[in-house]
């Protein structure tokens, strides 16, 4: 990954859990989405994106949208699921 907002996984996790809790308090529906790094890397290459937080957010949104549509066919070449 190119961005280094948090120096360690533990720091990132603490930030993520705090954000999740704050969003739940505001009534947001939260769904955790595992990020397969090989798929994410390929997605970034296909979409010509830097490997950063904005790209991860777009990647996750696309995965959630695909899940909601319940597509049976892969929608793009990086989809290995």
N, C-alpha and C. Protein backbone atom coordinates (compact mmCIF):
# COMPACT_ATOMS: atom_id res chain seq x y z
N UNK A 1 0.83 -1.18 0.00
CA UNK A 1 0.00 0.00 0.00
C UNK A 1 0.88 1.25 0.00
N UNK A 2 0.44 2.27 -0.66
CA UNK A 2 1.25 3.47 -0.77
C UNK A 2 1.03 4.44 0.38
N UNK A 3 -0.19 4.50 0.92
CA UNK A 3 -0.44 5.47 1.97
C UNK A 3 -0.07 4.87 3.33
N UNK A 4 0.35 5.73 4.23
CA UNK A 4 0.74 5.28 5.56
C UNK A 4 0.15 6.22 6.58
N UNK A 5 -1.16 6.24 6.68
CA UNK A 5 -1.83 7.12 7.62
C UNK A 5 -1.52 6.70 9.05
N UNK A 6 -1.63 5.41 9.31
CA UNK A 6 -1.32 4.86 10.63
C UNK A 6 -0.03 4.05 10.53
N UNK A 7 0.82 4.16 11.52
CA UNK A 7 2.10 3.49 11.45
C UNK A 7 2.00 1.98 11.66
N UNK A 8 0.98 1.53 12.36
CA UNK A 8 0.86 0.09 12.64
C UNK A 8 -0.57 -0.36 12.39
N UNK A 9 -0.73 -1.66 12.25
CA UNK A 9 -2.07 -2.24 12.11
C UNK A 9 -2.89 -1.90 13.35
N UNK A 10 -2.27 -1.98 14.52
CA UNK A 10 -3.00 -1.70 15.76
C UNK A 10 -3.53 -0.28 15.78
N UNK A 11 -2.74 0.67 15.31
CA UNK A 11 -3.20 2.07 15.25
C UNK A 11 -4.35 2.21 14.26
N UNK A 12 -4.22 1.56 13.10
CA UNK A 12 -5.29 1.60 12.10
C UNK A 12 -6.56 0.98 12.67
N UNK A 13 -6.42 -0.18 13.33
CA UNK A 13 -7.59 -0.87 13.88
C UNK A 13 -8.29 -0.01 14.92
N UNK A 14 -7.54 0.63 15.79
CA UNK A 14 -8.14 1.49 16.81
C UNK A 14 -8.94 2.62 16.14
N UNK A 15 -8.38 3.23 15.12
CA UNK A 15 -9.07 4.30 14.39
C UNK A 15 -10.32 3.77 13.71
N UNK A 16 -10.21 2.62 13.07
CA UNK A 16 -11.34 2.03 12.36
C UNK A 16 -12.47 1.68 13.32
N UNK A 17 -12.14 1.09 14.47
CA UNK A 17 -13.17 0.71 15.44
C UNK A 17 -13.86 1.94 16.03
N UNK A 18 -13.09 2.99 16.29
CA UNK A 18 -13.66 4.22 16.82
C UNK A 18 -14.61 4.85 15.79
N UNK A 19 -14.18 4.87 14.53
CA UNK A 19 -15.02 5.43 13.47
C UNK A 19 -16.29 4.61 13.31
N UNK A 20 -16.15 3.29 13.34
CA UNK A 20 -17.31 2.39 13.22
C UNK A 20 -18.31 2.67 14.34
N UNK A 21 -17.82 2.81 15.56
CA UNK A 21 -18.69 3.07 16.70
C UNK A 21 -19.41 4.41 16.55
N UNK A 22 -18.69 5.44 16.11
CA UNK A 22 -19.31 6.76 15.93
C UNK A 22 -20.38 6.71 14.85
N UNK A 23 -20.12 6.00 13.76
CA UNK A 23 -21.11 5.90 12.68
C UNK A 23 -22.34 5.12 13.12
N UNK A 24 -22.15 4.06 13.90
CA UNK A 24 -23.29 3.29 14.41
C UNK A 24 -24.17 4.17 15.30
N UNK A 25 -23.56 5.00 16.14
CA UNK A 25 -24.31 5.90 17.01
C UNK A 25 -25.17 6.86 16.20
N UNK A 26 -24.71 7.20 15.01
CA UNK A 26 -25.46 8.11 14.14
C UNK A 26 -26.47 7.37 13.27
N UNK A 27 -26.57 6.04 13.46
CA UNK A 27 -27.56 5.27 12.75
C UNK A 27 -27.11 4.67 11.43
N UNK A 28 -25.84 4.73 11.15
CA UNK A 28 -25.33 4.18 9.88
C UNK A 28 -25.30 2.66 9.95
N UNK A 29 -25.62 2.03 8.83
CA UNK A 29 -25.48 0.58 8.72
C UNK A 29 -24.03 0.29 8.34
N UNK A 30 -23.37 -0.51 9.14
CA UNK A 30 -21.96 -0.82 8.93
C UNK A 30 -21.82 -2.26 8.47
N UNK A 31 -21.04 -2.45 7.44
CA UNK A 31 -20.72 -3.81 6.99
C UNK A 31 -19.22 -3.88 6.77
N UNK A 32 -18.58 -4.79 7.45
CA UNK A 32 -17.14 -4.97 7.27
C UNK A 32 -16.91 -5.77 5.99
N UNK A 33 -15.96 -5.31 5.22
CA UNK A 33 -15.65 -5.96 3.94
C UNK A 33 -14.17 -6.30 3.92
N UNK A 34 -13.86 -7.59 3.93
CA UNK A 34 -12.44 -7.97 3.86
C UNK A 34 -11.84 -7.52 2.53
N UNK A 35 -10.61 -7.04 2.58
CA UNK A 35 -9.93 -6.61 1.36
C UNK A 35 -8.83 -7.61 1.05
N UNK A 36 -9.02 -8.35 -0.04
CA UNK A 36 -8.00 -9.26 -0.53
C UNK A 36 -6.95 -8.41 -1.24
N UNK A 37 -5.74 -8.40 -0.72
CA UNK A 37 -4.74 -7.48 -1.25
C UNK A 37 -4.38 -7.75 -2.71
N UNK A 38 -4.39 -9.01 -3.12
CA UNK A 38 -4.10 -9.32 -4.53
C UNK A 38 -5.22 -8.78 -5.43
N UNK A 39 -6.48 -8.97 -5.02
CA UNK A 39 -7.60 -8.43 -5.79
C UNK A 39 -7.56 -6.90 -5.82
N UNK A 40 -7.27 -6.30 -4.66
CA UNK A 40 -7.20 -4.85 -4.58
C UNK A 40 -6.09 -4.31 -5.48
N UNK A 41 -4.94 -4.96 -5.47
CA UNK A 41 -3.83 -4.54 -6.31
C UNK A 41 -4.22 -4.60 -7.79
N UNK A 42 -4.86 -5.69 -8.18
CA UNK A 42 -5.30 -5.83 -9.57
C UNK A 42 -6.36 -4.78 -9.91
N UNK A 43 -7.29 -4.55 -8.99
CA UNK A 43 -8.33 -3.54 -9.19
C UNK A 43 -7.69 -2.17 -9.43
N UNK A 44 -6.70 -1.83 -8.62
CA UNK A 44 -6.02 -0.54 -8.78
C UNK A 44 -5.34 -0.45 -10.14
N UNK A 45 -4.73 -1.54 -10.57
CA UNK A 45 -4.08 -1.55 -11.88
C UNK A 45 -5.10 -1.36 -12.99
N UNK A 46 -6.19 -2.12 -12.93
CA UNK A 46 -7.24 -2.03 -13.96
C UNK A 46 -7.85 -0.63 -14.01
N UNK A 47 -8.05 -0.02 -12.84
CA UNK A 47 -8.70 1.28 -12.77
C UNK A 47 -7.70 2.45 -12.73
N UNK A 48 -6.42 2.13 -12.87
CA UNK A 48 -5.36 3.14 -12.86
C UNK A 48 -5.46 4.06 -11.64
N UNK A 49 -5.54 3.42 -10.47
CA UNK A 49 -5.66 4.16 -9.21
C UNK A 49 -4.41 3.97 -8.36
N UNK A 50 -4.08 5.00 -7.59
CA UNK A 50 -3.04 4.88 -6.58
C UNK A 50 -3.56 3.97 -5.48
N UNK A 51 -2.70 3.21 -4.86
CA UNK A 51 -3.11 2.32 -3.77
C UNK A 51 -3.16 3.14 -2.47
N UNK A 52 -4.33 3.75 -2.23
CA UNK A 52 -4.49 4.59 -1.06
C UNK A 52 -5.89 4.43 -0.47
N UNK A 53 -6.19 5.21 0.53
CA UNK A 53 -7.47 5.10 1.20
C UNK A 53 -8.66 5.36 0.29
N UNK A 54 -8.53 6.32 -0.61
CA UNK A 54 -9.62 6.62 -1.54
C UNK A 54 -9.87 5.43 -2.47
N UNK A 55 -8.80 4.80 -2.92
CA UNK A 55 -8.96 3.63 -3.80
C UNK A 55 -9.58 2.47 -3.02
N UNK A 56 -9.15 2.27 -1.77
CA UNK A 56 -9.75 1.19 -0.97
C UNK A 56 -11.23 1.42 -0.78
N UNK A 57 -11.61 2.66 -0.52
CA UNK A 57 -13.03 2.98 -0.34
C UNK A 57 -13.82 2.69 -1.61
N UNK A 58 -13.28 3.08 -2.76
CA UNK A 58 -13.97 2.82 -4.04
C UNK A 58 -14.06 1.33 -4.32
N UNK A 59 -12.98 0.60 -4.03
CA UNK A 59 -12.95 -0.86 -4.22
C UNK A 59 -14.02 -1.52 -3.35
N UNK A 60 -14.09 -1.13 -2.10
CA UNK A 60 -15.06 -1.71 -1.17
C UNK A 60 -16.49 -1.36 -1.60
N UNK A 61 -16.73 -0.13 -2.00
CA UNK A 61 -18.07 0.27 -2.48
C UNK A 61 -18.48 -0.57 -3.68
N UNK A 62 -17.55 -0.79 -4.58
CA UNK A 62 -17.87 -1.61 -5.74
C UNK A 62 -18.20 -3.04 -5.34
N UNK A 63 -17.44 -3.59 -4.40
CA UNK A 63 -17.72 -4.96 -3.93
C UNK A 63 -19.10 -5.03 -3.27
N UNK A 64 -19.44 -4.04 -2.45
CA UNK A 64 -20.74 -4.03 -1.78
C UNK A 64 -21.86 -3.91 -2.82
N UNK A 65 -21.69 -3.02 -3.79
CA UNK A 65 -22.71 -2.87 -4.83
C UNK A 65 -22.91 -4.17 -5.60
N UNK A 66 -21.82 -4.85 -5.91
CA UNK A 66 -21.94 -6.14 -6.60
C UNK A 66 -22.70 -7.15 -5.75
N UNK A 67 -22.41 -7.15 -4.47
CA UNK A 67 -23.09 -8.07 -3.55
C UNK A 67 -24.59 -7.74 -3.50
N UNK A 68 -24.92 -6.47 -3.43
CA UNK A 68 -26.33 -6.06 -3.37
C UNK A 68 -27.08 -6.42 -4.65
N UNK A 69 -26.40 -6.32 -5.78
CA UNK A 69 -27.03 -6.69 -7.05
C UNK A 69 -27.10 -8.20 -7.19
N UNK A 70 -26.28 -8.90 -6.36
CA UNK A 70 -26.23 -10.35 -6.39
C UNK A 70 -25.88 -10.87 -7.78
N UNK A 71 -24.90 -10.23 -8.39
CA UNK A 71 -24.44 -10.65 -9.71
C UNK A 71 -23.88 -12.06 -9.65
N UNK A 72 -24.22 -12.85 -10.63
CA UNK A 72 -23.64 -14.19 -10.70
C UNK A 72 -22.43 -14.22 -11.61
N UNK A 73 -22.30 -13.23 -12.46
CA UNK A 73 -21.17 -13.15 -13.38
C UNK A 73 -20.21 -12.07 -12.89
N UNK A 74 -18.91 -12.31 -13.00
CA UNK A 74 -17.96 -11.25 -12.63
C UNK A 74 -18.20 -10.01 -13.47
N UNK A 75 -18.15 -8.84 -12.83
CA UNK A 75 -18.42 -7.60 -13.54
C UNK A 75 -17.15 -6.97 -14.09
N UNK A 76 -16.00 -7.50 -13.74
CA UNK A 76 -14.77 -6.95 -14.25
C UNK A 76 -13.65 -7.98 -14.17
N UNK A 77 -12.57 -7.75 -14.87
CA UNK A 77 -11.50 -8.75 -14.93
C UNK A 77 -10.78 -9.01 -13.62
N UNK A 78 -10.83 -8.10 -12.66
CA UNK A 78 -10.13 -8.30 -11.39
C UNK A 78 -10.94 -9.15 -10.41
N UNK A 79 -12.19 -9.41 -10.69
CA UNK A 79 -13.07 -10.14 -9.77
C UNK A 79 -12.74 -11.62 -9.80
N UNK A 80 -12.12 -12.11 -8.71
CA UNK A 80 -11.75 -13.52 -8.65
C UNK A 80 -12.68 -14.30 -7.71
N UNK A 81 -13.73 -13.66 -7.22
CA UNK A 81 -14.62 -14.35 -6.27
C UNK A 81 -15.68 -15.16 -6.99
